[in-house]
PDB file of all heavy atoms in Angstrom:
ATOM      1  N   PHE A   1     -14.201  -0.335 -70.902  1.00  0.00           N
ATOM      2  CA  PHE A   1     -12.899   0.311 -70.551  1.00  0.00           C
ATOM      3  C   PHE A   1     -11.851  -0.732 -70.460  1.00  0.00           C
ATOM      4  O   PHE A   1     -11.922  -1.667 -69.688  1.00  0.00           O
ATOM      5  CB  PHE A   1     -13.066   1.120 -69.268  1.00  0.00           C
ATOM      6  CG  PHE A   1     -11.861   1.901 -68.857  1.00  0.00           C
ATOM      7  CD1 PHE A   1     -11.401   2.884 -69.792  1.00  0.00           C
ATOM      8  CD2 PHE A   1     -11.305   1.893 -67.594  1.00  0.00           C
ATOM      9  CE1 PHE A   1     -10.325   3.634 -69.482  1.00  0.00           C
ATOM     10  CE2 PHE A   1     -10.307   2.615 -67.278  1.00  0.00           C
ATOM     11  CZ  PHE A   1      -9.776   3.542 -68.176  1.00  0.00           C
ATOM     12  N   TRP A   2     -10.777  -0.520 -71.265  1.00  0.00           N
ATOM     13  CA  TRP A   2      -9.767  -1.623 -71.404  1.00  0.00           C
ATOM     14  C   TRP A   2      -8.406  -1.141 -70.976  1.00  0.00           C
ATOM     15  O   TRP A   2      -7.990   0.014 -71.289  1.00  0.00           O
ATOM     16  CB  TRP A   2      -9.692  -2.012 -72.923  1.00  0.00           C
ATOM     17  CG  TRP A   2     -10.976  -2.708 -73.433  1.00  0.00           C
ATOM     18  CD1 TRP A   2     -12.040  -2.140 -73.921  1.00  0.00           C
ATOM     19  CD2 TRP A   2     -11.180  -4.081 -73.383  1.00  0.00           C
ATOM     20  NE1 TRP A   2     -12.938  -3.006 -74.330  1.00  0.00           N
ATOM     21  CE2 TRP A   2     -12.440  -4.312 -73.995  1.00  0.00           C
ATOM     22  CE3 TRP A   2     -10.515  -5.202 -73.037  1.00  0.00           C
ATOM     23  CZ2 TRP A   2     -13.091  -5.573 -74.139  1.00  0.00           C
ATOM     24  CZ3 TRP A   2     -11.087  -6.461 -73.220  1.00  0.00           C
ATOM     25  CH2 TRP A   2     -12.277  -6.557 -73.765  1.00  0.00           C
ATOM     26  N   ASN A   3      -7.614  -2.078 -70.460  1.00  0.00           N
ATOM     27  CA  ASN A   3      -6.211  -1.885 -70.339  1.00  0.00           C
ATOM     28  C   ASN A   3      -5.569  -2.355 -71.629  1.00  0.00           C
ATOM     29  O   ASN A   3      -5.641  -3.592 -71.936  1.00  0.00           O
ATOM     30  CB  ASN A   3      -5.655  -2.641 -69.178  1.00  0.00           C
ATOM     31  CG  ASN A   3      -4.153  -2.554 -68.902  1.00  0.00           C
ATOM     32  OD1 ASN A   3      -3.404  -2.329 -69.913  1.00  0.00           O
ATOM     33  ND2 ASN A   3      -3.800  -2.354 -67.666  1.00  0.00           N
ATOM     34  N   MET A   4      -4.985  -1.478 -72.387  1.00  0.00           N
ATOM     35  CA  MET A   4      -4.608  -1.832 -73.767  1.00  0.00           C
ATOM     36  C   MET A   4      -3.263  -2.640 -73.743  1.00  0.00           C
ATOM     37  O   MET A   4      -2.797  -3.072 -74.791  1.00  0.00           O
ATOM     38  CB  MET A   4      -4.493  -0.534 -74.698  1.00  0.00           C
ATOM     39  CG  MET A   4      -5.695   0.159 -74.870  1.00  0.00           C
ATOM     40  SD  MET A   4      -7.005  -0.760 -75.624  1.00  0.00           S
ATOM     41  CE  MET A   4      -6.314  -0.994 -77.186  1.00  0.00           C
ATOM     42  N   LEU A   5      -2.547  -2.619 -72.614  1.00  0.00           N
ATOM     43  CA  LEU A   5      -1.306  -3.403 -72.500  1.00  0.00           C
ATOM     44  C   LEU A   5      -1.567  -4.754 -72.158  1.00  0.00           C
ATOM     45  O   LEU A   5      -0.899  -5.705 -72.701  1.00  0.00           O
ATOM     46  CB  LEU A   5      -0.387  -2.745 -71.457  1.00  0.00           C
ATOM     47  CG  LEU A   5      -0.014  -1.216 -71.745  1.00  0.00           C
ATOM     48  CD1 LEU A   5       0.882  -0.688 -70.684  1.00  0.00           C
ATOM     49  CD2 LEU A   5       0.732  -1.050 -73.136  1.00  0.00           C
ATOM     50  N   THR A   6      -2.485  -5.066 -71.201  1.00  0.00           N
ATOM     51  CA  THR A   6      -2.735  -6.381 -70.819  1.00  0.00           C
ATOM     52  C   THR A   6      -3.903  -7.117 -71.501  1.00  0.00           C
ATOM     53  O   THR A   6      -4.115  -8.294 -71.307  1.00  0.00           O
ATOM     54  CB  THR A   6      -2.916  -6.422 -69.281  1.00  0.00           C
ATOM     55  OG1 THR A   6      -4.197  -5.750 -68.898  1.00  0.00           O
ATOM     56  CG2 THR A   6      -1.846  -5.744 -68.570  1.00  0.00           C
ATOM     57  N   GLY A   7      -4.805  -6.304 -72.127  1.00  0.00           N
ATOM     58  CA  GLY A   7      -5.965  -6.900 -72.700  1.00  0.00           C
ATOM     59  C   GLY A   7      -7.132  -7.082 -71.771  1.00  0.00           C
ATOM     60  O   GLY A   7      -8.011  -7.760 -71.946  1.00  0.00           O
ATOM     61  N   GLU A   8      -6.933  -6.525 -70.530  1.00  0.00           N
ATOM     62  CA  GLU A   8      -7.971  -6.653 -69.492  1.00  0.00           C
ATOM     63  C   GLU A   8      -9.154  -5.716 -69.602  1.00  0.00           C
ATOM     64  O   GLU A   8      -8.942  -4.536 -69.830  1.00  0.00           O
ATOM     65  CB  GLU A   8      -7.335  -6.527 -68.112  1.00  0.00           C
ATOM     66  CG  GLU A   8      -8.305  -6.521 -66.928  1.00  0.00           C
ATOM     67  CD  GLU A   8      -7.708  -6.066 -65.646  1.00  0.00           C
ATOM     68  OE1 GLU A   8      -6.529  -5.622 -65.584  1.00  0.00           O
ATOM     69  OE2 GLU A   8      -8.320  -6.145 -64.558  1.00  0.00           O
ATOM     70  N   LEU A   9     -10.338  -6.321 -69.501  1.00  0.00           N
ATOM     71  CA  LEU A   9     -11.583  -5.465 -69.512  1.00  0.00           C
ATOM     72  C   LEU A   9     -11.645  -5.041 -67.994  1.00  0.00           C
ATOM     73  O   LEU A   9     -12.012  -5.744 -67.079  1.00  0.00           O
ATOM     74  CB  LEU A   9     -12.748  -6.320 -69.936  1.00  0.00           C
ATOM     75  CG  LEU A   9     -14.115  -5.544 -69.789  1.00  0.00           C
ATOM     76  CD1 LEU A   9     -14.168  -4.265 -70.626  1.00  0.00           C
ATOM     77  CD2 LEU A   9     -15.283  -6.562 -70.235  1.00  0.00           C
ATOM     78  N   ILE A  10     -11.561  -3.647 -67.813  1.00  0.00           N
ATOM     79  CA  ILE A  10     -11.515  -3.143 -66.513  1.00  0.00           C
ATOM     80  C   ILE A  10     -12.960  -2.869 -66.022  1.00  0.00           C
ATOM     81  O   ILE A  10     -13.263  -3.091 -64.879  1.00  0.00           O
ATOM     82  CB  ILE A  10     -10.744  -1.794 -66.509  1.00  0.00           C
ATOM     83  CG1 ILE A  10      -9.292  -2.157 -66.842  1.00  0.00           C
ATOM     84  CG2 ILE A  10     -10.753  -1.205 -65.114  1.00  0.00           C
ATOM     85  CD1 ILE A  10      -8.360  -0.985 -66.995  1.00  0.00           C
ATOM     86  N   GLY A  11     -13.820  -2.210 -66.898  1.00  0.00           N
ATOM     87  CA  GLY A  11     -15.114  -1.805 -66.432  1.00  0.00           C
ATOM     88  C   GLY A  11     -16.016  -1.645 -67.617  1.00  0.00           C
ATOM     89  O   GLY A  11     -15.729  -1.455 -68.744  1.00  0.00           O
ATOM     90  N   VAL A  12     -17.348  -1.680 -67.270  1.00  0.00           N
ATOM     91  CA  VAL A  12     -18.478  -1.479 -68.196  1.00  0.00           C
ATOM     92  C   VAL A  12     -19.405  -0.387 -67.660  1.00  0.00           C
ATOM     93  O   VAL A  12     -19.826  -0.431 -66.500  1.00  0.00           O
ATOM     94  CB  VAL A  12     -19.214  -2.823 -68.557  1.00  0.00           C
ATOM     95  CG1 VAL A  12     -20.217  -2.542 -69.603  1.00  0.00           C
ATOM     96  CG2 VAL A  12     -18.230  -3.886 -68.963  1.00  0.00           C
ATOM     97  N   LYS A  13     -19.752   0.393 -68.489  1.00  0.00           N
ATOM     98  CA  LYS A  13     -20.747   1.479 -68.115  1.00  0.00           C
ATOM     99  C   LYS A  13     -21.921   1.499 -69.208  1.00  0.00           C
ATOM    100  O   LYS A  13     -21.615   1.511 -70.442  1.00  0.00           O
ATOM    101  CB  LYS A  13     -20.076   2.833 -68.036  1.00  0.00           C
ATOM    102  CG  LYS A  13     -20.928   3.974 -67.808  1.00  0.00           C
ATOM    103  CD  LYS A  13     -21.549   3.948 -66.427  1.00  0.00           C
ATOM    104  CE  LYS A  13     -22.332   5.328 -66.143  1.00  0.00           C
ATOM    105  NZ  LYS A  13     -22.996   5.272 -64.839  1.00  0.00           N
ATOM    106  N   ALA A  14     -23.173   1.537 -68.708  1.00  0.00           N
ATOM    107  CA  ALA A  14     -24.269   1.806 -69.654  1.00  0.00           C
ATOM    108  C   ALA A  14     -25.145   2.872 -69.229  1.00  0.00           C
ATOM    109  O   ALA A  14     -25.498   2.924 -68.089  1.00  0.00           O
ATOM    110  CB  ALA A  14     -25.038   0.446 -69.736  1.00  0.00           C
ATOM    111  N   VAL A  15     -25.514   3.753 -70.102  1.00  0.00           N
ATOM    112  CA  VAL A  15     -26.420   4.843 -69.755  1.00  0.00           C
ATOM    113  C   VAL A  15     -27.532   4.951 -70.855  1.00  0.00           C
ATOM    114  O   VAL A  15     -27.319   4.525 -72.096  1.00  0.00           O
ATOM    115  CB  VAL A  15     -25.676   6.132 -69.713  1.00  0.00           C
ATOM    116  CG1 VAL A  15     -24.588   6.175 -68.570  1.00  0.00           C
ATOM    117  CG2 VAL A  15     -24.964   6.593 -71.017  1.00  0.00           C
ATOM    118  N   THR A  16     -28.635   5.609 -70.558  1.00  0.00           N
ATOM    119  CA  THR A  16     -29.602   5.896 -71.566  1.00  0.00           C
ATOM    120  C   THR A  16     -29.040   7.010 -72.470  1.00  0.00           C
ATOM    121  O   THR A  16     -28.517   7.958 -72.072  1.00  0.00           O
ATOM    122  CB  THR A  16     -30.882   6.421 -70.771  1.00  0.00           C
ATOM    123  OG1 THR A  16     -31.359   5.418 -69.947  1.00  0.00           O
ATOM    124  CG2 THR A  16     -31.908   6.713 -71.817  1.00  0.00           C
ATOM    125  N   ASN A  17     -29.324   6.799 -73.811  1.00  0.00           N
ATOM    126  CA  ASN A  17     -28.891   7.628 -74.796  1.00  0.00           C
ATOM    127  C   ASN A  17     -29.528   8.955 -74.607  1.00  0.00           C
ATOM    128  O   ASN A  17     -30.778   9.053 -74.705  1.00  0.00           O
ATOM    129  CB  ASN A  17     -29.203   7.094 -76.199  1.00  0.00           C
ATOM    130  CG  ASN A  17     -28.560   7.979 -77.301  1.00  0.00           C
ATOM    131  OD1 ASN A  17     -28.398   9.190 -77.211  1.00  0.00           O
ATOM    132  ND2 ASN A  17     -28.125   7.321 -78.400  1.00  0.00           N
ATOM    133  N   PRO A  18     -28.817  10.078 -74.303  1.00  0.00           N
ATOM    134  CA  PRO A  18     -29.535  11.368 -74.014  1.00  0.00           C
ATOM    135  C   PRO A  18     -30.188  11.971 -75.269  1.00  0.00           C
ATOM    136  O   PRO A  18     -31.056  12.934 -75.162  1.00  0.00           O
ATOM    137  CB  PRO A  18     -28.304  12.243 -73.514  1.00  0.00           C
ATOM    138  CG  PRO A  18     -27.075  11.634 -74.113  1.00  0.00           C
ATOM    139  CD  PRO A  18     -27.430  10.170 -74.170  1.00  0.00           C
ATOM    140  N   GLN A  19     -29.941  11.427 -76.397  1.00  0.00           N
ATOM    141  CA  GLN A  19     -30.509  11.971 -77.655  1.00  0.00           C
ATOM    142  C   GLN A  19     -32.041  11.529 -77.676  1.00  0.00           C
ATOM    143  O   GLN A  19     -32.766  12.049 -78.507  1.00  0.00           O
ATOM    144  CB  GLN A  19     -29.829  11.452 -78.876  1.00  0.00           C
ATOM    145  CG  GLN A  19     -28.417  11.902 -79.009  1.00  0.00           C
ATOM    146  CD  GLN A  19     -27.726  11.196 -80.145  1.00  0.00           C
ATOM    147  OE1 GLN A  19     -28.037  10.108 -80.508  1.00  0.00           O
ATOM    148  NE2 GLN A  19     -26.647  11.847 -80.752  1.00  0.00           N
ATOM    149  N   GLY A  20     -32.351  10.713 -76.688  1.00  0.00           N
ATOM    150  CA  GLY A  20     -33.806  10.273 -76.717  1.00  0.00           C
ATOM    151  C   GLY A  20     -34.760  11.406 -76.482  1.00  0.00           C
ATOM    152  O   GLY A  20     -36.011  11.318 -76.738  1.00  0.00           O
ATOM    153  N   ALA A  21     -34.295  12.547 -75.996  1.00  0.00           N
ATOM    154  CA  ALA A  21     -35.082  13.657 -75.714  1.00  0.00           C
ATOM    155  C   ALA A  21     -35.637  14.305 -77.009  1.00  0.00           C
ATOM    156  O   ALA A  21     -36.636  15.037 -77.086  1.00  0.00           O
ATOM    157  CB  ALA A  21     -34.348  14.761 -74.993  1.00  0.00           C
ATOM    158  N   TYR A  22     -34.999  13.844 -78.120  1.00  0.00           N
ATOM    159  CA  TYR A  22     -35.365  14.422 -79.501  1.00  0.00           C
ATOM    160  C   TYR A  22     -36.164  13.286 -80.258  1.00  0.00           C
ATOM    161  O   TYR A  22     -36.285  13.468 -81.466  1.00  0.00           O
ATOM    162  CB  TYR A  22     -34.157  14.903 -80.234  1.00  0.00           C
ATOM    163  CG  TYR A  22     -33.368  15.809 -79.511  1.00  0.00           C
ATOM    164  CD1 TYR A  22     -32.041  15.567 -79.005  1.00  0.00           C
ATOM    165  CD2 TYR A  22     -33.866  17.181 -79.207  1.00  0.00           C
ATOM    166  CE1 TYR A  22     -31.295  16.449 -78.353  1.00  0.00           C
ATOM    167  CE2 TYR A  22     -33.087  18.121 -78.484  1.00  0.00           C
ATOM    168  CZ  TYR A  22     -31.893  17.624 -78.031  1.00  0.00           C
ATOM    169  OH  TYR A  22     -31.062  18.629 -77.272  1.00  0.00           O
ATOM    170  N   GLY A  23     -36.562  12.196 -79.646  1.00  0.00           N
ATOM    171  CA  GLY A  23     -37.271  11.193 -80.190  1.00  0.00           C
ATOM    172  C   GLY A  23     -36.746   9.801 -79.939  1.00  0.00           C
ATOM    173  O   GLY A  23     -35.512   9.672 -79.787  1.00  0.00           O
ATOM    174  N   ALA A  24     -37.592   8.798 -79.817  1.00  0.00           N
ATOM    175  CA  ALA A  24     -37.075   7.502 -79.388  1.00  0.00           C
ATOM    176  C   ALA A  24     -36.527   6.723 -80.542  1.00  0.00           C
ATOM    177  O   ALA A  24     -35.682   5.945 -80.439  1.00  0.00           O
ATOM    178  CB  ALA A  24     -38.289   6.700 -78.788  1.00  0.00           C
TER     179      ALA A  24
END
């Protein structure tokens, strides 16, 4: 997640891909 005016990286989020329910 970026501030597009300052170029600052505000945050990072990682989650398991929910499509995994249909195969790894």
